[in-house]
Amino acid sequence: MQPLAASLEVPVGLTVPPYVGDDMGRISDLLEVAQQQLGLGTLQAEPAEISIELHRRKTGEPAALFVINPSDHEVEACVAAAGTEVATDALDGQNYHARLGRLELRLQPRSVRMLELR
C-alpha cells in the first residue's frame, strides 16, 4: 500500500467506528447512518437484481453511471437518471434519454454498461 499524500479529513460530526466486524446488520446500519450524515442520496434501480454505481466529478456533478447485470438472463433495466437528461454508452455511443427522471436500457446477461452523464 502507498502512503496518502495528505491525511483524510472526516467531516465534522461524522463518527467513524474503529472496528465494524462482520455483522452484516451492523454494517448496513452504519452505512445508513454515514449516508445520512454525509447527505448522500440513493438511486433506485429495477429489477432488484441489477446494481448501479454513480461516479461524480470533483464539482459534485454526476459524471458516469455504471449499470450492472450479474444475472444469467437479459433484463430490461429502469434506473434513476441522477439528474441528467441524456446518458451515452461509453462503448457503443448509444444515447438514452431520461423520461420522468429514469433511464431505460436493455442489459445482456452478466454485463456492465458505463454511461456518460451529460
PDB file of N, CA and C in Angstrom:
ATOM      1  N   MET A   1       0.829  -1.172   0.000  1.00  0.00           N
ATOM      2  CA  MET A   1       0.000   0.000   0.000  1.00  0.00           C
ATOM      3  C   MET A   1       0.880   1.244   0.000  1.00  0.00           C
ATOM      4  N   GLN A   2       0.439   2.262  -0.708  1.00  0.00           N
ATOM      5  CA  GLN A   2       1.160   3.519  -0.789  1.00  0.00           C
ATOM      6  C   GLN A   2       0.632   4.488   0.263  1.00  0.00           C
ATOM      7  N   PRO A   3       1.498   5.292   0.863  1.00  0.00           N
ATOM      8  CA  PRO A   3       1.014   6.275   1.837  1.00  0.00           C
ATOM      9  C   PRO A   3       0.227   7.369   1.123  1.00  0.00           C
ATOM     10  N   LEU A   4      -0.739   7.941   1.816  1.00  0.00           N
ATOM     11  CA  LEU A   4      -1.522   9.036   1.277  1.00  0.00           C
ATOM     12  C   LEU A   4      -0.691  10.308   1.242  1.00  0.00           C
ATOM     13  N   ALA A   5      -0.915  11.143   0.224  1.00  0.00           N
ATOM     14  CA  ALA A   5      -0.207  12.419   0.127  1.00  0.00           C
ATOM     15  C   ALA A   5      -0.658  13.355   1.246  1.00  0.00           C
ATOM     16  N   ALA A   6      -1.913  13.238   1.632  1.00  0.00           N
ATOM     17  CA  ALA A   6      -2.462  14.066   2.719  1.00  0.00           C
ATOM     18  C   ALA A   6      -3.415  13.190   3.525  1.00  0.00           C
ATOM     19  N   SER A   7      -3.575  13.516   4.785  1.00  0.00           N
ATOM     20  CA  SER A   7      -4.462  12.714   5.616  1.00  0.00           C
ATOM     21  C   SER A   7      -5.911  12.951   5.207  1.00  0.00           C
ATOM     22  N   LEU A   8      -6.732  11.951   5.417  1.00  0.00           N
ATOM     23  CA  LEU A   8      -8.157  12.063   5.126  1.00  0.00           C
ATOM     24  C   LEU A   8      -8.813  12.936   6.175  1.00  0.00           C
ATOM     25  N   GLU A   9      -9.697  13.795   5.716  1.00  0.00           N
ATOM     26  CA  GLU A   9     -10.430  14.645   6.647  1.00  0.00           C
ATOM     27  C   GLU A   9     -11.825  14.085   6.825  1.00  0.00           C
ATOM     28  N   VAL A  10     -12.186  13.814   8.052  1.00  0.00           N
ATOM     29  CA  VAL A  10     -13.524  13.331   8.361  1.00  0.00           C
ATOM     30  C   VAL A  10     -14.395  14.551   8.621  1.00  0.00           C
ATOM     31  N   PRO A  11     -15.539  14.669   7.893  1.00  0.00           N
ATOM     32  CA  PRO A  11     -16.414  15.825   8.112  1.00  0.00           C
ATOM     33  C   PRO A  11     -16.815  15.959   9.584  1.00  0.00           C
ATOM     34  N   VAL A  12     -16.927  17.216  10.029  1.00  0.00           N
ATOM     35  CA  VAL A  12     -17.316  17.497  11.411  1.00  0.00           C
ATOM     36  C   VAL A  12     -18.653  16.821  11.706  1.00  0.00           C
ATOM     37  N   GLY A  13     -18.715  16.131  12.822  1.00  0.00           N
ATOM     38  CA  GLY A  13     -19.954  15.469  13.229  1.00  0.00           C
ATOM     39  C   GLY A  13     -20.081  14.045  12.738  1.00  0.00           C
ATOM     40  N   LEU A  14     -19.236  13.633  11.805  1.00  0.00           N
ATOM     41  CA  LEU A  14     -19.294  12.269  11.296  1.00  0.00           C
ATOM     42  C   LEU A  14     -18.525  11.363  12.240  1.00  0.00           C
ATOM     43  N   THR A  15     -19.158  10.313  12.677  1.00  0.00           N
ATOM     44  CA  THR A  15     -18.486   9.367  13.560  1.00  0.00           C
ATOM     45  C   THR A  15     -18.025   8.165  12.740  1.00  0.00           C
ATOM     46  N   VAL A  16     -16.794   7.769  12.943  1.00  0.00           N
ATOM     47  CA  VAL A  16     -16.231   6.637  12.232  1.00  0.00           C
ATOM     48  C   VAL A  16     -15.845   5.586  13.265  1.00  0.00           C
ATOM     49  N   PRO A  17     -16.544   4.442  13.278  1.00  0.00           N
ATOM     50  CA  PRO A  17     -16.203   3.416  14.262  1.00  0.00           C
ATOM     51  C   PRO A  17     -14.844   2.795  13.956  1.00  0.00           C
ATOM     52  N   PRO A  18     -14.043   2.519  14.997  1.00  0.00           N
ATOM     53  CA  PRO A  18     -12.713   1.959  14.775  1.00  0.00           C
ATOM     54  C   PRO A  18     -12.750   0.514  14.279  1.00  0.00           C
ATOM     55  N   TYR A  19     -13.833  -0.212  14.605  1.00  0.00           N
ATOM     56  CA  TYR A  19     -13.944  -1.610  14.186  1.00  0.00           C
ATOM     57  C   TYR A  19     -15.399  -1.898  13.868  1.00  0.00           C
ATOM     58  N   VAL A  20     -15.632  -2.498  12.719  1.00  0.00           N
ATOM     59  CA  VAL A  20     -17.003  -2.784  12.299  1.00  0.00           C
ATOM     60  C   VAL A  20     -17.353  -4.251  12.493  1.00  0.00           C
ATOM     61  N   GLY A  21     -16.407  -5.139  12.249  1.00  0.00           N
ATOM     62  CA  GLY A  21     -16.685  -6.566  12.359  1.00  0.00           C
ATOM     63  C   GLY A  21     -17.351  -7.089  11.097  1.00  0.00           C
ATOM     64  N   ASP A  22     -17.920  -8.288  11.194  1.00  0.00           N
ATOM     65  CA  ASP A  22     -18.534  -8.892  10.007  1.00  0.00           C
ATOM     66  C   ASP A  22     -20.037  -9.105  10.150  1.00  0.00           C
ATOM     67  N   ASP A  23     -20.650  -8.395  11.081  1.00  0.00           N
ATOM     68  CA  ASP A  23     -22.094  -8.470  11.270  1.00  0.00           C
ATOM     69  C   ASP A  23     -22.770  -7.619  10.189  1.00  0.00           C
ATOM     70  N   MET A  24     -23.389  -8.254   9.202  1.00  0.00           N
ATOM     71  CA  MET A  24     -23.972  -7.538   8.073  1.00  0.00           C
ATOM     72  C   MET A  24     -25.072  -6.568   8.510  1.00  0.00           C
ATOM     73  N   GLY A  25     -25.807  -6.882   9.544  1.00  0.00           N
ATOM     74  CA  GLY A  25     -26.826  -5.969  10.055  1.00  0.00           C
ATOM     75  C   GLY A  25     -26.197  -4.689  10.572  1.00  0.00           C
ATOM     76  N   ARG A  26     -25.107  -4.835  11.325  1.00  0.00           N
ATOM     77  CA  ARG A  26     -24.401  -3.656  11.862  1.00  0.00           C
ATOM     78  C   ARG A  26     -23.782  -2.839  10.738  1.00  0.00           C
ATOM     79  N   ILE A  27     -23.192  -3.518   9.779  1.00  0.00           N
ATOM     80  CA  ILE A  27     -22.595  -2.823   8.635  1.00  0.00           C
ATOM     81  C   ILE A  27     -23.660  -2.026   7.894  1.00  0.00           C
ATOM     82  N   SER A  28     -24.796  -2.635   7.661  1.00  0.00           N
ATOM     83  CA  SER A  28     -25.897  -1.957   6.979  1.00  0.00           C
ATOM     84  C   SER A  28     -26.363  -0.734   7.756  1.00  0.00           C
ATOM     85  N   ASP A  29     -26.493  -0.887   9.069  1.00  0.00           N
ATOM     86  CA  ASP A  29     -26.912   0.242   9.914  1.00  0.00           C
ATOM     87  C   ASP A  29     -25.892   1.380   9.870  1.00  0.00           C
ATOM     88  N   LEU A  30     -24.596   1.032   9.953  1.00  0.00           N
ATOM     89  CA  LEU A  30     -23.549   2.055   9.917  1.00  0.00           C
ATOM     90  C   LEU A  30     -23.496   2.767   8.565  1.00  0.00           C
ATOM     91  N   LEU A  31     -23.724   2.017   7.492  1.00  0.00           N
ATOM     92  CA  LEU A  31     -23.750   2.638   6.170  1.00  0.00           C
ATOM     93  C   LEU A  31     -24.914   3.617   6.042  1.00  0.00           C
ATOM     94  N   GLU A  32     -26.047   3.244   6.593  1.00  0.00           N
ATOM     95  CA  GLU A  32     -27.212   4.123   6.554  1.00  0.00           C
ATOM     96  C   GLU A  32     -26.950   5.417   7.333  1.00  0.00           C
ATOM     97  N   VAL A  33     -26.333   5.297   8.510  1.00  0.00           N
ATOM     98  CA  VAL A  33     -26.005   6.473   9.315  1.00  0.00           C
ATOM     99  C   VAL A  33     -25.014   7.362   8.565  1.00  0.00           C
ATOM    100  N   ALA A  34     -23.963   6.769   7.989  1.00  0.00           N
ATOM    101  CA  ALA A  34     -22.971   7.546   7.253  1.00  0.00           C
ATOM    102  C   ALA A  34     -23.608   8.239   6.055  1.00  0.00           C
ATOM    103  N   GLN A  35     -24.489   7.528   5.378  1.00  0.00           N
ATOM    104  CA  GLN A  35     -25.182   8.102   4.220  1.00  0.00           C
ATOM    105  C   GLN A  35     -25.995   9.329   4.637  1.00  0.00           C
ATOM    106  N   GLN A  36     -26.683   9.246   5.758  1.00  0.00           N
ATOM    107  CA  GLN A  36     -27.466  10.378   6.253  1.00  0.00           C
ATOM    108  C   GLN A  36     -26.554  11.524   6.683  1.00  0.00           C
ATOM    109  N   GLN A  37     -25.481  11.216   7.414  1.00  0.00           N
ATOM    110  CA  GLN A  37     -24.566  12.246   7.901  1.00  0.00           C
ATOM    111  C   GLN A  37     -23.866  12.977   6.762  1.00  0.00           C
ATOM    112  N   LEU A  38     -23.579  12.271   5.684  1.00  0.00           N
ATOM    113  CA  LEU A  38     -22.891  12.877   4.547  1.00  0.00           C
ATOM    114  C   LEU A  38     -23.859  13.510   3.540  1.00  0.00           C
ATOM    115  N   GLY A  39     -25.145  13.310   3.771  1.00  0.00           N
ATOM    116  CA  GLY A  39     -26.136  13.887   2.867  1.00  0.00           C
ATOM    117  C   GLY A  39     -26.173  13.214   1.511  1.00  0.00           C
ATOM    118  N   LEU A  40     -25.876  11.927   1.484  1.00  0.00           N
ATOM    119  CA  LEU A  40     -25.878  11.187   0.221  1.00  0.00           C
ATOM    120  C   LEU A  40     -27.264  10.619  -0.049  1.00  0.00           C
ATOM    121  N   GLY A  41     -27.701  10.746  -1.255  1.00  0.00           N
ATOM    122  CA  GLY A  41     -28.993  10.183  -1.634  1.00  0.00           C
ATOM    123  C   GLY A  41     -28.835   8.757  -2.118  1.00  0.00           C
ATOM    124  N   THR A  42     -29.937   8.139  -2.437  1.00  0.00           N
ATOM    125  CA  THR A  42     -29.908   6.802  -3.011  1.00  0.00           C
ATOM    126  C   THR A  42     -30.514   6.860  -4.400  1.00  0.00           C
ATOM    127  N   LEU A  43     -30.069   5.983  -5.248  1.00  0.00           N
ATOM    128  CA  LEU A  43     -30.601   5.879  -6.597  1.00  0.00           C
ATOM    129  C   LEU A  43     -31.354   4.569  -6.720  1.00  0.00           C
ATOM    130  N   GLN A  44     -32.511   4.641  -7.322  1.00  0.00           N
ATOM    131  CA  GLN A  44     -33.345   3.449  -7.486  1.00  0.00           C
ATOM    132  C   GLN A  44     -33.028   2.760  -8.808  1.00  0.00           C
ATOM    133  N   ALA A  45     -33.130   1.441  -8.794  1.00  0.00           N
ATOM    134  CA  ALA A  45     -32.915   0.641  -9.999  1.00  0.00           C
ATOM    135  C   ALA A  45     -33.823  -0.575  -9.964  1.00  0.00           C
ATOM    136  N   GLU A  46     -34.361  -0.914 -11.110  1.00  0.00           N
ATOM    137  CA  GLU A  46     -35.208  -2.111 -11.250  1.00  0.00           C
ATOM    138  C   GLU A  46     -34.766  -2.866 -12.492  1.00  0.00           C
ATOM    139  N   PRO A  47     -34.854  -4.186 -12.463  1.00  0.00           N
ATOM    140  CA  PRO A  47     -35.290  -5.053 -11.374  1.00  0.00           C
ATOM    141  C   PRO A  47     -34.257  -5.097 -10.254  1.00  0.00           C
ATOM    142  N   ALA A  48     -34.640  -5.679  -9.147  1.00  0.00           N
ATOM    143  CA  ALA A  48     -33.806  -5.687  -7.942  1.00  0.00           C
ATOM    144  C   ALA A  48     -32.457  -6.364  -8.149  1.00  0.00           C
ATOM    145  N   GLU A  49     -32.352  -7.244  -9.124  1.00  0.00           N
ATOM    146  CA  GLU A  49     -31.104  -7.985  -9.319  1.00  0.00           C
ATOM    147  C   GLU A  49     -29.979  -7.143  -9.922  1.00  0.00           C
ATOM    148  N   ILE A  50     -30.290  -5.980 -10.494  1.00  0.00           N
ATOM    149  CA  ILE A  50     -29.219  -5.155 -11.056  1.00  0.00           C
ATOM    150  C   ILE A  50     -28.647  -4.232  -9.987  1.00  0.00           C
ATOM    151  N   SER A  51     -27.437  -3.766 -10.241  1.00  0.00           N
ATOM    152  CA  SER A  51     -26.767  -2.821  -9.344  1.00  0.00           C
ATOM    153  C   SER A  51     -26.375  -1.601 -10.147  1.00  0.00           C
ATOM    154  N   ILE A  52     -26.299  -0.467  -9.459  1.00  0.00           N
ATOM    155  CA  ILE A  52     -25.826   0.743 -10.119  1.00  0.00           C
ATOM    156  C   ILE A  52     -24.781   1.411  -9.240  1.00  0.00           C
ATOM    157  N   GLU A  53     -23.878   2.121  -9.884  1.00  0.00           N
ATOM    158  CA  GLU A  53     -22.811   2.840  -9.191  1.00  0.00           C
ATOM    159  C   GLU A  53     -22.655   4.192  -9.871  1.00  0.00           C
ATOM    160  N   LEU A  54     -22.792   5.258  -9.120  1.00  0.00           N
ATOM    161  CA  LEU A  54     -22.683   6.612  -9.649  1.00  0.00           C
ATOM    162  C   LEU A  54     -21.326   7.203  -9.288  1.00  0.00           C
ATOM    163  N   HIS A  55     -20.647   7.770 -10.275  1.00  0.00           N
ATOM    164  CA  HIS A  55     -19.382   8.465 -10.054  1.00  0.00           C
ATOM    165  C   HIS A  55     -19.601   9.940 -10.359  1.00  0.00           C
ATOM    166  N   ARG A  56     -19.046  10.800  -9.504  1.00  0.00           N
ATOM    167  CA  ARG A  56     -19.242  12.249  -9.637  1.00  0.00           C
ATOM    168  C   ARG A  56     -17.936  12.946  -9.992  1.00  0.00           C
ATOM    169  N   ARG A  57     -18.074  14.096 -10.638  1.00  0.00           N
ATOM    170  CA  ARG A  57     -16.928  14.963 -10.906  1.00  0.00           C
ATOM    171  C   ARG A  57     -16.515  15.632  -9.592  1.00  0.00           C
ATOM    172  N   LYS A  58     -15.357  16.271  -9.583  1.00  0.00           N
ATOM    173  CA  LYS A  58     -14.905  16.979  -8.385  1.00  0.00           C
ATOM    174  C   LYS A  58     -15.888  18.057  -7.971  1.00  0.00           C
ATOM    175  N   THR A  59     -16.652  18.568  -8.914  1.00  0.00           N
ATOM    176  CA  THR A  59     -17.642  19.609  -8.628  1.00  0.00           C
ATOM    177  C   THR A  59     -18.893  19.046  -7.955  1.00  0.00           C
ATOM    178  N   GLY A  60     -18.993  17.720  -7.915  1.00  0.00           N
ATOM    179  CA  GLY A  60     -20.165  17.077  -7.330  1.00  0.00           C
ATOM    180  C   GLY A  60     -21.210  16.668  -8.355  1.00  0.00           C
ATOM    181  N   GLU A  61     -21.038  17.116  -9.598  1.00  0.00           N
ATOM    182  CA  GLU A  61     -21.987  16.767 -10.649  1.00  0.00           C
ATOM    183  C   GLU A  61     -21.819  15.293 -11.048  1.00  0.00           C
ATOM    184  N   PRO A  62     -22.923  14.604 -11.370  1.00  0.00           N
ATOM    185  CA  PRO A  62     -22.824  13.231 -11.849  1.00  0.00           C
ATOM    186  C   PRO A  62     -22.005  13.156 -13.136  1.00  0.00           C
ATOM    187  N   ALA A  63     -21.114  12.181 -13.235  1.00  0.00           N
ATOM    188  CA  ALA A  63     -20.246  12.034 -14.405  1.00  0.00           C
ATOM    189  C   ALA A  63     -20.506  10.727 -15.146  1.00  0.00           C
ATOM    190  N   ALA A  64     -20.589   9.624 -14.404  1.00  0.00           N
ATOM    191  CA  ALA A  64     -20.757   8.314 -15.032  1.00  0.00           C
ATOM    192  C   ALA A  64     -21.640   7.434 -14.158  1.00  0.00           C
ATOM    193  N   LEU A  65     -22.437   6.623 -14.828  1.00  0.00           N
ATOM    194  CA  LEU A  65     -23.314   5.683 -14.132  1.00  0.00           C
ATOM    195  C   LEU A  65     -23.029   4.296 -14.674  1.00  0.00           C
ATOM    196  N   PHE A  66     -22.637   3.395 -13.791  1.00  0.00           N
ATOM    197  CA  PHE A  66     -22.406   2.004 -14.172  1.00  0.00           C
ATOM    198  C   PHE A  66     -23.668   1.218 -13.824  1.00  0.00           C
ATOM    199  N   VAL A  67     -24.182   0.467 -14.786  1.00  0.00           N
ATOM    200  CA  VAL A  67     -25.367  -0.360 -14.578  1.00  0.00           C
ATOM    201  C   VAL A  67     -24.920  -1.805 -14.785  1.00  0.00           C
ATOM    202  N   ILE A  68     -25.107  -2.639 -13.758  1.00  0.00           N
ATOM    203  CA  ILE A  68     -24.528  -3.985 -13.728  1.00  0.00           C
ATOM    204  C   ILE A  68     -25.627  -5.036 -13.663  1.00  0.00           C
ATOM    205  N   ASN A  69     -25.555  -6.006 -14.581  1.00  0.00           N
ATOM    206  CA  ASN A  69     -26.484  -7.136 -14.570  1.00  0.00           C
ATOM    207  C   ASN A  69     -25.684  -8.410 -14.283  1.00  0.00           C
ATOM    208  N   PRO A  70     -25.703  -8.890 -13.030  1.00  0.00           N
ATOM    209  CA  PRO A  70     -24.949 -10.097 -12.702  1.00  0.00           C
ATOM    210  C   PRO A  70     -25.709 -11.394 -13.010  1.00  0.00           C
ATOM    211  N   SER A  71     -26.944 -11.279 -13.474  1.00  0.00           N
ATOM    212  CA  SER A  71     -27.793 -12.462 -13.663  1.00  0.00           C
ATOM    213  C   SER A  71     -27.438 -13.237 -14.929  1.00  0.00           C
ATOM    214  N   ASP A  72     -28.031 -14.412 -15.042  1.00  0.00           N
ATOM    215  CA  ASP A  72     -27.821 -15.293 -16.200  1.00  0.00           C
ATOM    216  C   ASP A  72     -28.738 -14.957 -17.364  1.00  0.00           C
ATOM    217  N   HIS A  73     -29.575 -13.933 -17.225  1.00  0.00           N
ATOM    218  CA  HIS A  73     -30.521 -13.618 -18.287  1.00  0.00           C
ATOM    219  C   HIS A  73     -30.544 -12.122 -18.600  1.00  0.00           C
ATOM    220  N   GLU A  74     -31.005 -11.814 -19.798  1.00  0.00           N
ATOM    221  CA  GLU A  74     -31.129 -10.420 -20.232  1.00  0.00           C
ATOM    222  C   GLU A  74     -32.216  -9.738 -19.411  1.00  0.00           C
ATOM    223  N   VAL A  75     -32.005  -8.461 -19.090  1.00  0.00           N
ATOM    224  CA  VAL A  75     -33.009  -7.710 -18.340  1.00  0.00           C
ATOM    225  C   VAL A  75     -33.261  -6.363 -19.000  1.00  0.00           C
ATOM    226  N   GLU A  76     -34.468  -5.876 -18.821  1.00  0.00           N
ATOM    227  CA  GLU A  76     -34.837  -4.518 -19.201  1.00  0.00           C
ATOM    228  C   GLU A  76     -34.749  -3.714 -17.918  1.00  0.00           C
ATOM    229  N   ALA A  77     -33.753  -2.834 -17.832  1.00  0.00           N
ATOM    230  CA  ALA A  77     -33.489  -2.091 -16.600  1.00  0.00           C
ATOM    231  C   ALA A  77     -34.108  -0.704 -16.663  1.00  0.00           C
ATOM    232  N   CYS A  78     -34.536  -0.242 -15.508  1.00  0.00           N
ATOM    233  CA  CYS A  78     -35.046   1.113 -15.339  1.00  0.00           C
ATOM    234  C   CYS A  78     -34.297   1.683 -14.139  1.00  0.00           C
ATOM    235  N   VAL A  79     -33.476   2.708 -14.384  1.00  0.00           N
ATOM    236  CA  VAL A  79     -32.621   3.258 -13.335  1.00  0.00           C
ATOM    237  C   VAL A  79     -32.807   4.759 -13.213  1.00  0.00           C
ATOM    238  N   ALA A  80     -32.523   5.285 -12.037  1.00  0.00           N
ATOM    239  CA  ALA A  80     -32.591   6.727 -11.816  1.00  0.00           C
ATOM    240  C   ALA A  80     -31.599   7.427 -12.731  1.00  0.00           C
ATOM    241  N   ALA A  81     -32.009   8.556 -13.297  1.00  0.00           N
ATOM    242  CA  ALA A  81     -31.168   9.284 -14.244  1.00  0.00           C
ATOM    243  C   ALA A  81     -30.153  10.192 -13.563  1.00  0.00           C
ATOM    244  N   ALA A  82     -30.161  10.275 -12.255  1.00  0.00           N
ATOM    245  CA  ALA A  82     -29.196  11.066 -11.474  1.00  0.00           C
ATOM    246  C   ALA A  82     -29.171  12.531 -11.915  1.00  0.00           C
ATOM    247  N   GLY A  83     -30.323  13.053 -12.307  1.00  0.00           N
ATOM    248  CA  GLY A  83     -30.430  14.458 -12.670  1.00  0.00           C
ATOM    249  C   GLY A  83     -30.000  14.798 -14.081  1.00  0.00           C
ATOM    250  N   THR A  84     -29.648  13.811 -14.876  1.00  0.00           N
ATOM    251  CA  THR A  84     -29.206  14.058 -16.251  1.00  0.00           C
ATOM    252  C   THR A  84     -30.358  13.894 -17.230  1.00  0.00           C
ATOM    253  N   GLU A  85     -30.243  14.536 -18.364  1.00  0.00           N
ATOM    254  CA  GLU A  85     -31.259  14.403 -19.418  1.00  0.00           C
ATOM    255  C   GLU A  85     -30.867  13.341 -20.442  1.00  0.00           C
ATOM    256  N   VAL A  86     -29.538  13.217 -20.683  1.00  0.00           N
ATOM    257  CA  VAL A  86     -29.040  12.274 -21.681  1.00  0.00           C
ATOM    258  C   VAL A  86     -27.863  11.505 -21.102  1.00  0.00           C
ATOM    259  N   ALA A  87     -27.872  10.192 -21.311  1.00  0.00           N
ATOM    260  CA  ALA A  87     -26.757   9.331 -20.918  1.00  0.00           C
ATOM    261  C   ALA A  87     -26.262   8.633 -22.183  1.00  0.00           C
ATOM    262  N   THR A  88     -24.949   8.596 -22.360  1.00  0.00           N
ATOM    263  CA  THR A  88     -24.362   7.989 -23.552  1.00  0.00           C
ATOM    264  C   THR A  88     -23.517   6.788 -23.153  1.00  0.00           C
ATOM    265  N   ASP A  89     -23.781   5.651 -23.801  1.00  0.00           N
ATOM    266  CA  ASP A  89     -22.995   4.453 -23.547  1.00  0.00           C
ATOM    267  C   ASP A  89     -21.563   4.724 -23.999  1.00  0.00           C
ATOM    268  N   ALA A  90     -20.605   4.547 -23.105  1.00  0.00           N
ATOM    269  CA  ALA A  90     -19.205   4.870 -23.384  1.00  0.00           C
ATOM    270  C   ALA A  90     -18.581   3.939 -24.424  1.00  0.00           C
ATOM    271  N   LEU A  91     -19.160   2.755 -24.643  1.00  0.00           N
ATOM    272  CA  LEU A  91     -18.567   1.820 -25.596  1.00  0.00           C
ATOM    273  C   LEU A  91     -19.196   1.888 -26.979  1.00  0.00           C
ATOM    274  N   ASP A  92     -20.535   1.946 -27.049  1.00  0.00           N
ATOM    275  CA  ASP A  92     -21.164   1.924 -28.379  1.00  0.00           C
ATOM    276  C   ASP A  92     -21.765   3.265 -28.804  1.00  0.00           C
ATOM    277  N   GLY A  93     -21.732   4.278 -27.927  1.00  0.00           N
ATOM    278  CA  GLY A  93     -22.209   5.604 -28.283  1.00  0.00           C
ATOM    279  C   GLY A  93     -23.714   5.790 -28.294  1.00  0.00           C
ATOM    280  N   GLN A  94     -24.457   4.755 -27.912  1.00  0.00           N
ATOM    281  CA  GLN A  94     -25.921   4.865 -27.907  1.00  0.00           C
ATOM    282  C   GLN A  94     -26.373   5.850 -26.835  1.00  0.00           C
ATOM    283  N   ASN A  95     -27.313   6.717 -27.210  1.00  0.00           N
ATOM    284  CA  ASN A  95     -27.868   7.688 -26.266  1.00  0.00           C
ATOM    285  C   ASN A  95     -29.146   7.164 -25.640  1.00  0.00           C
ATOM    286  N   TYR A  96     -29.300   7.453 -24.362  1.00  0.00           N
ATOM    287  CA  TYR A  96     -30.521   7.129 -23.618  1.00  0.00           C
ATOM    288  C   TYR A  96     -31.062   8.439 -23.068  1.00  0.00           C
ATOM    289  N   HIS A  97     -32.303   8.741 -23.382  1.00  0.00           N
ATOM    290  CA  HIS A  97     -32.926   9.987 -22.935  1.00  0.00           C
ATOM    291  C   HIS A  97     -33.792   9.704 -21.714  1.00  0.00           C
ATOM    292  N   ALA A  98     -33.611  10.506 -20.691  1.00  0.00           N
ATOM    293  CA  ALA A  98     -34.364  10.324 -19.449  1.00  0.00           C
ATOM    294  C   ALA A  98     -35.834  10.677 -19.669  1.00  0.00           C
ATOM    295  N   ARG A  99     -36.689   9.885 -19.057  1.00  0.00           N
ATOM    296  CA  ARG A  99     -38.123  10.150 -19.036  1.00  0.00           C
ATOM    297  C   ARG A  99     -38.565  10.075 -17.591  1.00  0.00           C
ATOM    298  N   LEU A 100     -39.126  11.175 -17.122  1.00  0.00           N
ATOM    299  CA  LEU A 100     -39.587  11.264 -15.732  1.00  0.00           C
ATOM    300  C   LEU A 100     -38.471  10.887 -14.756  1.00  0.00           C
ATOM    301  N   GLY A 101     -37.243  11.310 -15.072  1.00  0.00           N
ATOM    302  CA  GLY A 101     -36.114  11.075 -14.181  1.00  0.00           C
ATOM    303  C   GLY A 101     -35.563   9.662 -14.196  1.00  0.00           C
ATOM    304  N   ARG A 102     -35.937   8.877 -15.204  1.00  0.00           N
ATOM    305  CA  ARG A 102     -35.493   7.479 -15.278  1.00  0.00           C
ATOM    306  C   ARG A 102     -34.906   7.186 -16.655  1.00  0.00           C
ATOM    307  N   LEU A 103     -33.959   6.265 -16.689  1.00  0.00           N
ATOM    308  CA  LEU A 103     -33.373   5.771 -17.933  1.00  0.00           C
ATOM    309  C   LEU A 103     -33.773   4.314 -18.101  1.00  0.00           C
ATOM    310  N   GLU A 104     -34.147   3.940 -19.297  1.00  0.00           N
ATOM    311  CA  GLU A 104     -34.494   2.545 -19.579  1.00  0.00           C
ATOM    312  C   GLU A 104     -33.480   1.989 -20.569  1.00  0.00           C
ATOM    313  N   LEU A 105     -32.927   0.813 -20.245  1.00  0.00           N
ATOM    314  CA  LEU A 105     -31.958   0.185 -21.131  1.00  0.00           C
ATOM    315  C   LEU A 105     -31.964  -1.320 -20.957  1.00  0.00           C
ATOM    316  N   ARG A 106     -31.590  -2.003 -22.018  1.00  0.00           N
ATOM    317  CA  ARG A 106     -31.518  -3.465 -22.019  1.00  0.00           C
ATOM    318  C   ARG A 106     -30.091  -3.877 -21.670  1.00  0.00           C
ATOM    319  N   LEU A 107     -29.977  -4.863 -20.783  1.00  0.00           N
ATOM    320  CA  LEU A 107     -28.665  -5.371 -20.372  1.00  0.00           C
ATOM    321  C   LEU A 107     -28.570  -6.860 -20.679  1.00  0.00           C
ATOM    322  N   GLN A 108     -27.489  -7.227 -21.350  1.00  0.00           N
ATOM    323  CA  GLN A 108     -27.233  -8.632 -21.627  1.00  0.00           C
ATOM    324  C   GLN A 108     -26.863  -9.350 -20.320  1.00  0.00           C
ATOM    325  N   PRO A 109     -26.940 -10.687 -20.301  1.00  0.00           N
ATOM    326  CA  PRO A 109     -26.540 -11.420 -19.095  1.00  0.00           C
ATOM    327  C   PRO A 109     -25.097 -11.116 -18.714  1.00  0.00           C
ATOM    328  N   ARG A 110     -24.850 -10.989 -17.425  1.00  0.00           N
ATOM    329  CA  ARG A 110     -23.501 -10.765 -16.886  1.00  0.00           C
ATOM    330  C   ARG A 110     -22.766  -9.648 -17.637  1.00  0.00           C
ATOM    331  N   SER A 111     -23.392  -8.502 -17.658  1.00  0.00           N
ATOM    332  CA  SER A 111     -22.796  -7.386 -18.387  1.00  0.00           C
ATOM    333  C   SER A 111     -22.842  -6.104 -17.571  1.00  0.00           C
ATOM    334  N   VAL A 112     -22.052  -5.128 -18.025  1.00  0.00           N
ATOM    335  CA  VAL A 112     -21.992  -3.819 -17.397  1.00  0.00           C
ATOM    336  C   VAL A 112     -22.110  -2.767 -18.482  1.00  0.00           C
ATOM    337  N   ARG A 113     -22.911  -1.743 -18.231  1.00  0.00           N
ATOM    338  CA  ARG A 113     -22.978  -0.581 -19.117  1.00  0.00           C
ATOM    339  C   ARG A 113     -22.365   0.603 -18.373  1.00  0.00           C
ATOM    340  N   MET A 114     -21.456   1.310 -19.054  1.00  0.00           N
ATOM    341  CA  MET A 114     -20.889   2.533 -18.489  1.00  0.00           C
ATOM    342  C   MET A 114     -21.507   3.690 -19.257  1.00  0.00           C
ATOM    343  N   LEU A 115     -22.293   4.495 -18.551  1.00  0.00           N
ATOM    344  CA  LEU A 115     -22.998   5.594 -19.179  1.00  0.00           C
ATOM    345  C   LEU A 115     -22.379   6.920 -18.784  1.00  0.00           C
ATOM    346  N   GLU A 116     -22.017   7.714 -19.793  1.00  0.00           N
ATOM    347  CA  GLU A 116     -21.534   9.069 -19.540  1.00  0.00           C
ATOM    348  C   GLU A 116     -22.754   9.960 -19.371  1.00  0.00           C
ATOM    349  N   LEU A 117     -22.794  10.716 -18.272  1.00  0.00           N
ATOM    350  CA  LEU A 117     -23.937  11.557 -17.982  1.00  0.00           C
ATOM    351  C   LEU A 117     -23.650  12.987 -18.416  1.00  0.00           C
ATOM    352  N   ARG A 118     -24.620  13.582 -19.145  1.00  0.00           N
ATOM    353  CA  ARG A 118     -24.463  14.960 -19.609  1.00  0.00           C
ATOM    354  C   ARG A 118     -25.671  15.777 -19.197  1.00  0.00           C
TER     355      ARG A 118
END
